[in-house]
Amino acid sequence: MAASGDLLDVDPPEIQFPFVLNKQISCPLRLTNRTSSTVAFKVKTTSPRKYCVRPNNGVVPPRSDCTVLVTMQAQTVAPPDLQCKDKFLVQSVVVSTGLSAKDITSQMFMKEGGNAVEEVKLKVAYVMPPEPPSEIAEVHEGSERILVPMQRIVNDVRSTSELSSGSVSLRSAELGTEVGSPVGRIVKSDEFFKAAGPDMETKTYARPAEQSHQLLALIAKLTEEKNSALEQNRKLRDELELVRHEVSKQQGDFSLILVLVVGLLSIILGYLVKK
């Protein structure tokens, strides 16, 4: 909601700075002229060394607006309870059409000179900076929808890789059994560890993303094995066909030799009988 005046509306009505030590912080002010006259403005503050205003004066044409950027210099000490007593003052006055910002003088905003100067006072407030948005991922376990920070998932994937290689760290065990932790909601802690002799073996339950990755890897492996089996079958068929061809050829040669031998014996036998 803007601070409304007869000449200019100032938005926001309170200047709020998310206070962070050793960092410059800016807050925009929008000045809106809803009149049919040209309005000149000037921005003042009770702490000119602490704040920088650009531009600190200017002209707003009729039915238009402009933006003023208020910047707080980097602070090295935080005030108690983030309380601030600083204030800003936005002065405005009707000027002649065609007046530019370089033609503005301080005398225009003096009430003693008979000028109809309008003033809008703005308070300054320090607020806590917003927490940085953390990337989250949706994890579905049964019918339950869980929001888990991405960093937690990355850490847990690393822990899972350690478990699969047979080396379980104490930190992984704590993450798996921590009460109320996001990881504990995904990995069932009562089935997380399984005792097998003096050395402890662990059993982890794959998440949907890991299951999908494992399923794709399994499908690729099965496809590769299927293609290899088909190739072996094709080679076996080719070799069988070649063997059949060789056997048929050998049988043909044997029959021809047998015919020649029988014919030769018949000739010899006939010759001996005639004698």
Protein backbone atom coordinates (compact mmCIF):
# COMPACT_ATOMS: atom_id res chain seq x y z
CA MET A 1 0.00 0.00 0.00
CA ALA A 2 1.48 3.34 -1.05
CA ALA A 3 1.72 6.53 1.01
CA SER A 4 -0.72 8.74 -0.85
CA GLY A 5 -0.43 12.47 -1.23
CA ASP A 6 -2.24 15.05 -3.30
CA LEU A 7 0.62 15.18 -5.79
CA LEU A 8 2.64 11.96 -5.51
CA ASP A 9 1.99 8.46 -4.27
CA VAL A 10 5.07 6.90 -2.66
CA ASP A 11 5.42 3.12 -2.65
CA PRO A 12 6.34 1.48 -0.32
CA PRO A 13 5.13 3.62 2.60
CA GLU A 14 7.95 2.25 4.77
CA ILE A 15 11.51 1.65 3.59
CA GLN A 16 12.56 -1.82 4.67
CA PHE A 17 16.14 -3.05 4.48
CA PRO A 18 16.98 -6.76 4.99
CA PHE A 19 19.84 -6.04 7.38
CA VAL A 20 23.11 -7.80 6.62
CA LEU A 21 26.43 -6.72 8.12
CA ASN A 22 29.14 -5.41 5.77
CA LYS A 23 26.83 -5.33 2.78
CA GLN A 24 25.20 -2.52 0.83
CA ILE A 25 21.44 -2.92 0.64
CA SER A 26 19.09 -1.11 -1.76
CA CYS A 27 15.37 -0.47 -1.68
CA PRO A 28 13.44 1.04 -4.62
CA LEU A 29 10.86 3.78 -4.18
CA ARG A 30 8.20 4.31 -6.84
CA LEU A 31 6.85 7.83 -7.15
CA THR A 32 3.56 8.03 -9.05
CA ASN A 33 2.06 11.27 -10.34
CA ARG A 34 -1.70 10.81 -10.69
CA THR A 35 -2.37 14.46 -11.46
CA SER A 36 -2.48 16.28 -14.77
CA SER A 37 0.36 18.60 -13.72
CA THR A 38 4.13 18.20 -13.85
CA VAL A 39 5.50 17.54 -10.35
CA ALA A 40 9.07 18.03 -9.13
CA PHE A 41 10.31 16.02 -6.17
CA LYS A 42 13.19 16.00 -3.72
CA VAL A 43 14.17 13.19 -1.31
CA LYS A 44 15.80 14.01 2.04
CA THR A 45 16.95 11.82 4.93
CA THR A 46 17.90 12.33 8.57
CA SER A 47 21.14 10.33 8.00
CA PRO A 48 22.66 11.57 4.73
CA ARG A 49 26.01 9.86 5.42
CA LYS A 50 24.34 6.52 5.90
CA TYR A 51 22.15 6.49 2.79
CA CYS A 52 22.60 7.26 -0.87
CA VAL A 53 19.57 8.30 -2.97
CA ARG A 54 19.69 8.20 -6.78
CA PRO A 55 18.23 10.41 -8.06
CA ASN A 56 17.57 12.57 -5.03
CA ASN A 57 15.46 14.98 -7.12
CA GLY A 58 13.67 14.94 -10.42
CA VAL A 59 10.53 15.62 -12.38
CA VAL A 60 7.53 13.33 -12.80
CA PRO A 61 5.35 14.08 -15.87
CA PRO A 62 1.56 13.94 -15.57
CA ARG A 63 0.02 10.47 -15.23
CA SER A 64 3.40 8.75 -15.00
CA ASP A 65 5.87 7.49 -12.44
CA CYS A 66 9.59 7.15 -11.73
CA THR A 67 11.78 5.00 -9.52
CA VAL A 68 14.20 6.24 -6.87
CA LEU A 69 16.83 3.84 -5.50
CA VAL A 70 17.68 4.22 -1.82
CA THR A 71 20.93 2.45 -0.85
CA MET A 72 22.10 1.90 2.71
CA GLN A 73 25.86 1.81 3.05
CA ALA A 74 27.48 -1.32 4.48
CA GLN A 75 27.11 -1.37 8.27
CA THR A 76 29.72 -2.89 10.57
CA VAL A 77 27.55 -2.95 13.72
CA ALA A 78 23.97 -4.10 14.03
CA PRO A 79 21.64 -1.87 16.07
CA PRO A 80 20.03 -3.40 19.18
CA ASP A 81 16.98 -5.48 18.22
CA LEU A 82 17.37 -4.13 14.67
CA GLN A 83 15.64 -0.92 15.71
CA CYS A 84 16.09 2.10 13.45
CA LYS A 85 15.03 5.70 13.97
CA ASP A 86 16.06 7.00 10.54
CA LYS A 87 13.44 8.73 8.40
CA PHE A 88 13.03 9.94 4.82
CA LEU A 89 11.10 12.91 3.52
CA VAL A 90 9.73 13.12 -0.01
CA GLN A 91 8.87 16.70 -0.98
CA SER A 92 6.87 17.48 -4.11
CA VAL A 93 5.68 20.65 -5.78
CA VAL A 94 3.85 21.50 -9.00
CA VAL A 95 6.12 23.06 -11.62
CA SER A 96 5.65 24.35 -15.12
CA THR A 97 5.45 21.93 -18.02
CA GLY A 98 8.77 21.34 -19.77
CA LEU A 99 10.88 21.80 -16.65
CA SER A 100 13.79 19.32 -16.50
CA ALA A 101 15.63 17.82 -13.53
CA LYS A 102 18.63 20.13 -14.01
CA ASP A 103 16.35 23.15 -13.58
CA ILE A 104 15.26 22.11 -10.08
CA THR A 105 16.50 24.33 -7.25
CA SER A 106 16.25 24.04 -3.49
CA GLN A 107 14.18 27.26 -3.38
CA MET A 108 11.28 25.43 -5.06
CA PHE A 109 10.78 23.33 -1.92
CA MET A 110 10.84 26.18 0.59
CA LYS A 111 7.43 26.86 2.10
CA GLU A 112 8.60 30.29 3.20
CA GLY A 113 8.65 31.36 -0.41
CA GLY A 114 4.95 30.72 -0.78
CA ASN A 115 5.36 27.40 -2.54
CA ALA A 116 2.68 24.73 -2.01
CA VAL A 117 5.07 22.00 -0.99
CA GLU A 118 3.66 18.58 -0.17
CA GLU A 119 5.63 16.29 2.15
CA VAL A 120 5.42 12.53 2.65
CA LYS A 121 7.35 11.07 5.59
CA LEU A 122 8.74 7.55 5.41
CA LYS A 123 10.08 5.46 8.26
CA VAL A 124 13.03 3.08 7.95
CA ALA A 125 12.78 -0.48 9.25
CA TYR A 126 15.37 -3.22 9.44
CA VAL A 127 14.08 -6.73 8.84
CA MET A 128 15.70 -10.13 9.01
CA PRO A 129 17.09 -11.24 5.63
CA PRO A 130 15.14 -14.05 3.97
CA GLU A 131 16.63 -17.49 4.24
CA PRO A 132 18.23 -18.67 1.00
CA PRO A 133 15.89 -21.05 -0.84
CA SER A 134 17.15 -24.60 -0.56
CA GLU A 135 16.59 -26.95 -3.43
CA ILE A 136 14.21 -29.71 -2.46
CA ALA A 137 13.16 -32.86 -4.13
CA GLU A 138 9.94 -34.82 -3.87
CA VAL A 139 10.31 -38.41 -2.74
CA HIS A 140 7.35 -40.78 -2.84
CA GLU A 141 7.32 -43.74 -0.49
CA GLY A 142 4.06 -45.60 -0.86
CA SER A 143 1.28 -43.04 -0.67
CA GLU A 144 3.37 -40.57 1.38
CA ARG A 145 4.92 -37.52 -0.30
CA ILE A 146 8.13 -36.31 1.37
CA LEU A 147 10.14 -33.17 0.64
CA VAL A 148 13.85 -33.83 1.09
CA PRO A 149 16.70 -31.30 0.66
CA MET A 150 18.83 -32.08 -2.37
CA GLN A 151 22.00 -31.96 -0.28
CA ARG A 152 20.59 -34.65 1.99
CA ILE A 153 19.94 -36.85 -1.04
CA VAL A 154 23.47 -36.29 -2.33
CA ASN A 155 24.93 -37.16 1.05
CA ASP A 156 22.75 -40.24 1.34
CA VAL A 157 23.68 -41.41 -2.16
CA ARG A 158 27.32 -41.18 -1.13
CA SER A 159 26.52 -43.19 1.99
CA THR A 160 24.71 -45.79 -0.12
CA SER A 161 27.74 -46.15 -2.39
CA GLU A 162 29.90 -46.73 0.67
CA LEU A 163 27.48 -49.37 1.90
CA SER A 164 27.49 -51.18 -1.46
CA SER A 165 31.28 -51.39 -1.35
CA GLY A 166 31.17 -52.97 2.10
CA SER A 167 32.49 -50.01 4.10
CA VAL A 168 29.93 -48.41 6.40
CA SER A 169 30.81 -45.21 8.20
CA LEU A 170 29.47 -44.31 11.60
CA ARG A 171 28.01 -41.12 10.15
CA SER A 172 25.99 -43.16 7.63
CA ALA A 173 24.65 -45.26 10.46
CA GLU A 174 23.63 -42.13 12.34
CA LEU A 175 21.88 -40.72 9.30
CA GLY A 176 19.99 -43.95 8.76
CA THR A 177 18.76 -44.20 12.35
CA GLU A 178 18.39 -40.55 13.30
CA VAL A 179 14.90 -39.99 14.70
CA GLY A 180 12.88 -37.43 12.73
CA SER A 181 15.59 -36.85 10.12
CA PRO A 182 14.59 -36.75 6.44
CA VAL A 183 16.92 -39.67 5.74
CA GLY A 184 15.33 -41.72 8.49
CA ARG A 185 11.96 -41.16 6.82
CA ILE A 186 13.21 -42.65 3.60
CA VAL A 187 15.37 -45.54 4.83
CA LYS A 188 13.60 -47.81 7.29
CA SER A 189 15.83 -47.75 10.34
CA ASP A 190 14.45 -50.99 11.82
CA GLU A 191 15.53 -52.88 8.72
CA PHE A 192 18.58 -50.80 7.94
CA PHE A 193 21.10 -53.00 9.76
CA LYS A 194 21.31 -56.78 9.68
CA ALA A 195 23.79 -58.55 11.92
CA ALA A 196 25.92 -61.22 10.32
CA GLY A 197 28.76 -62.32 12.61
CA PRO A 198 31.18 -59.90 14.19
CA ASP A 199 31.19 -57.64 11.14
CA MET A 200 28.02 -55.73 10.50
CA GLU A 201 26.51 -55.90 7.05
CA THR A 202 23.90 -53.36 6.05
CA LYS A 203 20.98 -53.52 3.72
CA THR A 204 19.74 -50.35 2.10
CA TYR A 205 16.50 -49.69 0.32
CA ALA A 206 16.86 -47.96 -2.98
CA ARG A 207 14.91 -44.80 -3.57
CA PRO A 208 12.71 -44.31 -6.63
CA ALA A 209 15.49 -42.49 -8.48
CA GLU A 210 18.00 -45.23 -7.63
CA GLN A 211 15.44 -47.92 -8.51
CA SER A 212 14.87 -46.30 -11.87
CA HIS A 213 18.61 -46.12 -12.51
CA GLN A 214 19.09 -49.77 -11.46
CA LEU A 215 16.11 -50.85 -13.59
CA LEU A 216 17.52 -49.10 -16.65
CA ALA A 217 20.91 -50.71 -16.04
CA LEU A 218 19.27 -54.13 -15.68
CA ILE A 219 17.25 -53.67 -18.87
CA ALA A 220 20.39 -52.64 -20.75
CA LYS A 221 22.27 -55.66 -19.41
CA LEU A 222 19.44 -58.06 -20.33
CA THR A 223 19.18 -56.53 -23.80
CA GLU A 224 22.91 -56.97 -24.29
CA GLU A 225 22.72 -60.60 -23.14
CA LYS A 226 19.75 -61.23 -25.43
CA ASN A 227 21.60 -59.78 -28.43
CA SER A 228 24.66 -61.87 -27.53
CA ALA A 229 22.51 -65.02 -27.31
CA LEU A 230 20.89 -64.28 -30.67
CA GLU A 231 24.31 -63.77 -32.21
CA GLN A 232 25.52 -67.09 -30.77
CA ASN A 233 22.43 -68.84 -32.11
CA ARG A 234 23.02 -67.38 -35.55
CA LYS A 235 26.64 -68.54 -35.52
CA LEU A 236 25.57 -72.03 -34.42
CA ARG A 237 23.01 -72.23 -37.24
CA ASP A 238 25.63 -71.18 -39.77
CA GLU A 239 28.09 -73.77 -38.47
CA LEU A 240 25.39 -76.48 -38.51
CA GLU A 241 24.47 -75.64 -42.09
CA LEU A 242 28.14 -75.79 -43.05
CA VAL A 243 28.51 -79.22 -41.40
CA ARG A 244 25.44 -80.52 -43.22
CA HIS A 245 26.82 -79.26 -46.49
CA GLU A 246 30.17 -80.97 -45.85
CA VAL A 247 28.46 -84.26 -44.89
CA SER A 248 26.31 -84.17 -48.01
CA LYS A 249 29.35 -83.51 -50.17
CA GLN A 250 31.29 -86.36 -48.56
CA GLN A 251 28.34 -88.73 -49.03
CA GLY A 252 28.14 -87.79 -52.72
CA ASP A 253 31.85 -88.45 -53.23
CA PHE A 254 31.60 -91.81 -51.45
CA SER A 255 28.70 -92.93 -53.68
CA LEU A 256 30.66 -92.05 -56.83
CA ILE A 257 33.71 -93.97 -55.65
CA LEU A 258 31.53 -96.96 -54.81
CA VAL A 259 30.02 -96.97 -58.30
CA LEU A 260 33.48 -96.79 -59.89
CA VAL A 261 34.78 -99.64 -57.72
CA VAL A 262 31.77 -101.82 -58.51
CA GLY A 263 32.11 -101.09 -62.22
CA LEU A 264 35.82 -101.89 -62.17
CA LEU A 265 35.21 -105.16 -60.35
CA SER A 266 32.50 -106.08 -62.86
CA ILE A 267 34.90 -105.51 -65.76
CA ILE A 268 37.61 -107.61 -64.11
CA LEU A 269 35.15 -110.37 -63.27
CA GLY A 270 33.83 -110.44 -66.84
CA TYR A 271 37.31 -110.61 -68.22
CA LEU A 272 38.15 -113.55 -65.97
CA VAL A 273 34.97 -115.43 -66.92
CA LYS A 274 35.69 -115.08 -70.64
CA LYS A 275 39.09 -116.56 -70.08
